[in-house]
Amino acid sequence: MDWTPTNCYEKIEYRVRYMKTNGSRHEWQLQFRNNFNRLIVFNYGIEEDSTALALTTHRKTLKPQEVSEPVQVYTQKENFFLFTDKLSFNIDGRDNIPCDEN
């Protein structure tokens, strides 16, 4: 599984592993990697339609160079889109860094 930069932040990478079909649902494992030399906090969300309004409803905190534990993701379609935003170098999430300004 190759690492891919997220849509918004080049130094936050992710990789996805397809696990199995469970009825009409598809099960995936998602991992993130922090390539910053400092702690980061960011939001992420999954959408099955690239034109859907992306809501980043999950929050992730990673130490410098840390790889996250796998997160289980379930979809109805055989593909999904990952969105990230609200990157901060502060544990409380203040002072968000806009996309591509890292």
C-alpha atoms as a PDB file:
ATOM      1  CA  MET A   1       0.000   0.000   0.000  1.00  0.00           C
ATOM      2  CA  ASP A   2       1.483   3.275  -1.117  1.00  0.00           C
ATOM      3  CA  TRP A   3       1.241   6.506   0.861  1.00  0.00           C
ATOM      4  CA  THR A   4      -0.655   9.345  -0.846  1.00  0.00           C
ATOM      5  CA  PRO A   5      -0.728  13.039   0.182  1.00  0.00           C
ATOM      6  CA  THR A   6      -4.155  14.186   1.352  1.00  0.00           C
ATOM      7  CA  ASN A   7      -6.210  16.585  -0.764  1.00  0.00           C
ATOM      8  CA  CYS A   8      -5.284  19.541   1.401  1.00  0.00           C
ATOM      9  CA  TYR A   9      -1.928  18.925   3.106  1.00  0.00           C
ATOM     10  CA  GLU A  10       1.069  17.424   1.344  1.00  0.00           C
ATOM     11  CA  LYS A  11       2.757  16.407   4.595  1.00  0.00           C
ATOM     12  CA  ILE A  12      -0.241  14.431   5.847  1.00  0.00           C
ATOM     13  CA  GLU A  13      -0.352  11.186   3.920  1.00  0.00           C
ATOM     14  CA  TYR A  14      -2.819   8.307   3.957  1.00  0.00           C
ATOM     15  CA  ARG A  15      -3.135   4.776   2.694  1.00  0.00           C
ATOM     16  CA  VAL A  16      -6.167   2.553   2.260  1.00  0.00           C
ATOM     17  CA  ARG A  17      -6.523  -1.211   2.313  1.00  0.00           C
ATOM     18  CA  TYR A  18      -9.642  -2.890   0.978  1.00  0.00           C
ATOM     19  CA  MET A  19     -10.675  -5.567   3.460  1.00  0.00           C
ATOM     20  CA  LYS A  20     -13.877  -7.258   2.257  1.00  0.00           C
ATOM     21  CA  THR A  21     -17.471  -6.948   1.163  1.00  0.00           C
ATOM     22  CA  ASN A  22     -19.947  -7.364   3.979  1.00  0.00           C
ATOM     23  CA  GLY A  23     -23.378  -7.688   2.390  1.00  0.00           C
ATOM     24  CA  SER A  24     -23.838  -4.520   0.352  1.00  0.00           C
ATOM     25  CA  ARG A  25     -21.151  -2.662   2.306  1.00  0.00           C
ATOM     26  CA  HIS A  26     -17.425  -2.442   1.615  1.00  0.00           C
ATOM     27  CA  GLU A  27     -14.961  -2.497   4.499  1.00  0.00           C
ATOM     28  CA  TRP A  28     -11.675  -0.585   4.365  1.00  0.00           C
ATOM     29  CA  GLN A  29      -8.756   0.218   6.667  1.00  0.00           C
ATOM     30  CA  LEU A  30      -7.474   3.791   6.579  1.00  0.00           C
ATOM     31  CA  GLN A  31      -4.176   5.003   8.062  1.00  0.00           C
ATOM     32  CA  PHE A  32      -2.575   8.435   8.282  1.00  0.00           C
ATOM     33  CA  ARG A  33       1.092   9.429   8.503  1.00  0.00           C
ATOM     34  CA  ASN A  34       2.378  12.735   9.874  1.00  0.00           C
ATOM     35  CA  ASN A  35       5.428  13.954   7.956  1.00  0.00           C
ATOM     36  CA  PHE A  36       5.676  17.154   9.985  1.00  0.00           C
ATOM     37  CA  ASN A  37       8.354  17.441  12.665  1.00  0.00           C
ATOM     38  CA  ARG A  38       5.750  18.532  15.192  1.00  0.00           C
ATOM     39  CA  LEU A  39       2.431  17.417  16.620  1.00  0.00           C
ATOM     40  CA  ILE A  40      -0.579  17.926  14.372  1.00  0.00           C
ATOM     41  CA  VAL A  41      -4.347  17.906  14.839  1.00  0.00           C
ATOM     42  CA  PHE A  42      -6.648  17.805  11.799  1.00  0.00           C
ATOM     43  CA  ASN A  43     -10.138  16.911  10.643  1.00  0.00           C
ATOM     44  CA  TYR A  44     -11.016  14.288   8.065  1.00  0.00           C
ATOM     45  CA  GLY A  45     -14.146  12.949   6.420  1.00  0.00           C
ATOM     46  CA  ILE A  46     -15.222  10.333   3.909  1.00  0.00           C
ATOM     47  CA  GLU A  47     -17.646  10.883   1.013  1.00  0.00           C
ATOM     48  CA  GLU A  48     -18.779   8.376  -1.600  1.00  0.00           C
ATOM     49  CA  ASP A  49     -19.538  11.089  -4.173  1.00  0.00           C
ATOM     50  CA  SER A  50     -16.805  13.520  -5.244  1.00  0.00           C
ATOM     51  CA  THR A  51     -19.401  16.269  -5.788  1.00  0.00           C
ATOM     52  CA  ALA A  52     -20.935  15.917  -2.313  1.00  0.00           C
ATOM     53  CA  LEU A  53     -20.377  18.591   0.278  1.00  0.00           C
ATOM     54  CA  ALA A  54     -17.486  17.200   2.286  1.00  0.00           C
ATOM     55  CA  LEU A  55     -18.093  17.272   6.013  1.00  0.00           C
ATOM     56  CA  THR A  56     -14.960  16.534   8.013  1.00  0.00           C
ATOM     57  CA  THR A  57     -16.577  14.970  11.039  1.00  0.00           C
ATOM     58  CA  HIS A  58     -13.605  13.101  12.509  1.00  0.00           C
ATOM     59  CA  ARG A  59     -10.585  14.528  14.336  1.00  0.00           C
ATOM     60  CA  LYS A  60      -7.104  12.979  14.400  1.00  0.00           C
ATOM     61  CA  THR A  61      -4.029  13.848  16.493  1.00  0.00           C
ATOM     62  CA  LEU A  62      -0.597  12.564  15.473  1.00  0.00           C
ATOM     63  CA  LYS A  63       2.862  13.047  16.967  1.00  0.00           C
ATOM     64  CA  PRO A  64       5.793  13.960  14.692  1.00  0.00           C
ATOM     65  CA  GLN A  65       6.404  11.211  12.102  1.00  0.00           C
ATOM     66  CA  GLU A  66       3.680   9.044  13.673  1.00  0.00           C
ATOM     67  CA  VAL A  67       1.605   6.510  11.710  1.00  0.00           C
ATOM     68  CA  SER A  68      -1.938   6.134  13.020  1.00  0.00           C
ATOM     69  CA  GLU A  69      -3.571   2.899  13.999  1.00  0.00           C
ATOM     70  CA  PRO A  70      -5.866   1.644  11.201  1.00  0.00           C
ATOM     71  CA  VAL A  71      -9.385   3.125  11.202  1.00  0.00           C
ATOM     72  CA  GLN A  72     -12.277   0.993   9.902  1.00  0.00           C
ATOM     73  CA  VAL A  73     -14.336   2.678   7.162  1.00  0.00           C
ATOM     74  CA  TYR A  74     -17.538   1.325   5.617  1.00  0.00           C
ATOM     75  CA  THR A  75     -19.010   2.453   2.292  1.00  0.00           C
ATOM     76  CA  GLN A  76     -21.893   1.484   0.017  1.00  0.00           C
ATOM     77  CA  LYS A  77     -19.805   2.045  -3.128  1.00  0.00           C
ATOM     78  CA  GLU A  78     -16.550   0.430  -4.224  1.00  0.00           C
ATOM     79  CA  ASN A  79     -14.704   3.721  -3.883  1.00  0.00           C
ATOM     80  CA  PHE A  80     -14.662   6.796  -1.660  1.00  0.00           C
ATOM     81  CA  PHE A  81     -13.072  10.210  -1.369  1.00  0.00           C
ATOM     82  CA  LEU A  82     -11.082  11.404   1.624  1.00  0.00           C
ATOM     83  CA  PHE A  83     -11.145  15.061   2.647  1.00  0.00           C
ATOM     84  CA  THR A  84      -8.977  16.814   5.232  1.00  0.00           C
ATOM     85  CA  ASP A  85      -9.032  20.316   6.712  1.00  0.00           C
ATOM     86  CA  LYS A  86      -8.541  22.370   9.882  1.00  0.00           C
ATOM     87  CA  LEU A  87      -4.888  21.420  10.419  1.00  0.00           C
ATOM     88  CA  SER A  88      -3.446  22.883  13.599  1.00  0.00           C
ATOM     89  CA  PHE A  89      -0.140  22.561  15.434  1.00  0.00           C
ATOM     90  CA  ASN A  90      -1.963  23.211  18.709  1.00  0.00           C
ATOM     91  CA  ILE A  91      -3.612  20.387  20.624  1.00  0.00           C
ATOM     92  CA  ASP A  92      -6.693  22.573  21.224  1.00  0.00           C
ATOM     93  CA  GLY A  93      -7.144  23.110  17.451  1.00  0.00           C
ATOM     94  CA  ARG A  94      -6.690  26.897  17.414  1.00  0.00           C
ATOM     95  CA  ASP A  95      -4.862  28.717  14.602  1.00  0.00           C
ATOM     96  CA  ASN A  96      -5.918  26.479  11.712  1.00  0.00           C
ATOM     97  CA  ILE A  97      -3.542  26.269   8.760  1.00  0.00           C
ATOM     98  CA  PRO A  98      -5.261  26.785   5.353  1.00  0.00           C
ATOM     99  CA  CYS A  99      -4.812  24.149   2.651  1.00  0.00           C
ATOM    100  CA  ASP A 100      -1.409  24.030   0.968  1.00  0.00           C
ATOM    101  CA  GLU A 101       0.098  26.659   3.265  1.00  0.00           C
ATOM    102  CA  ASN A 102       2.103  24.245   5.359  1.00  0.00           C
END
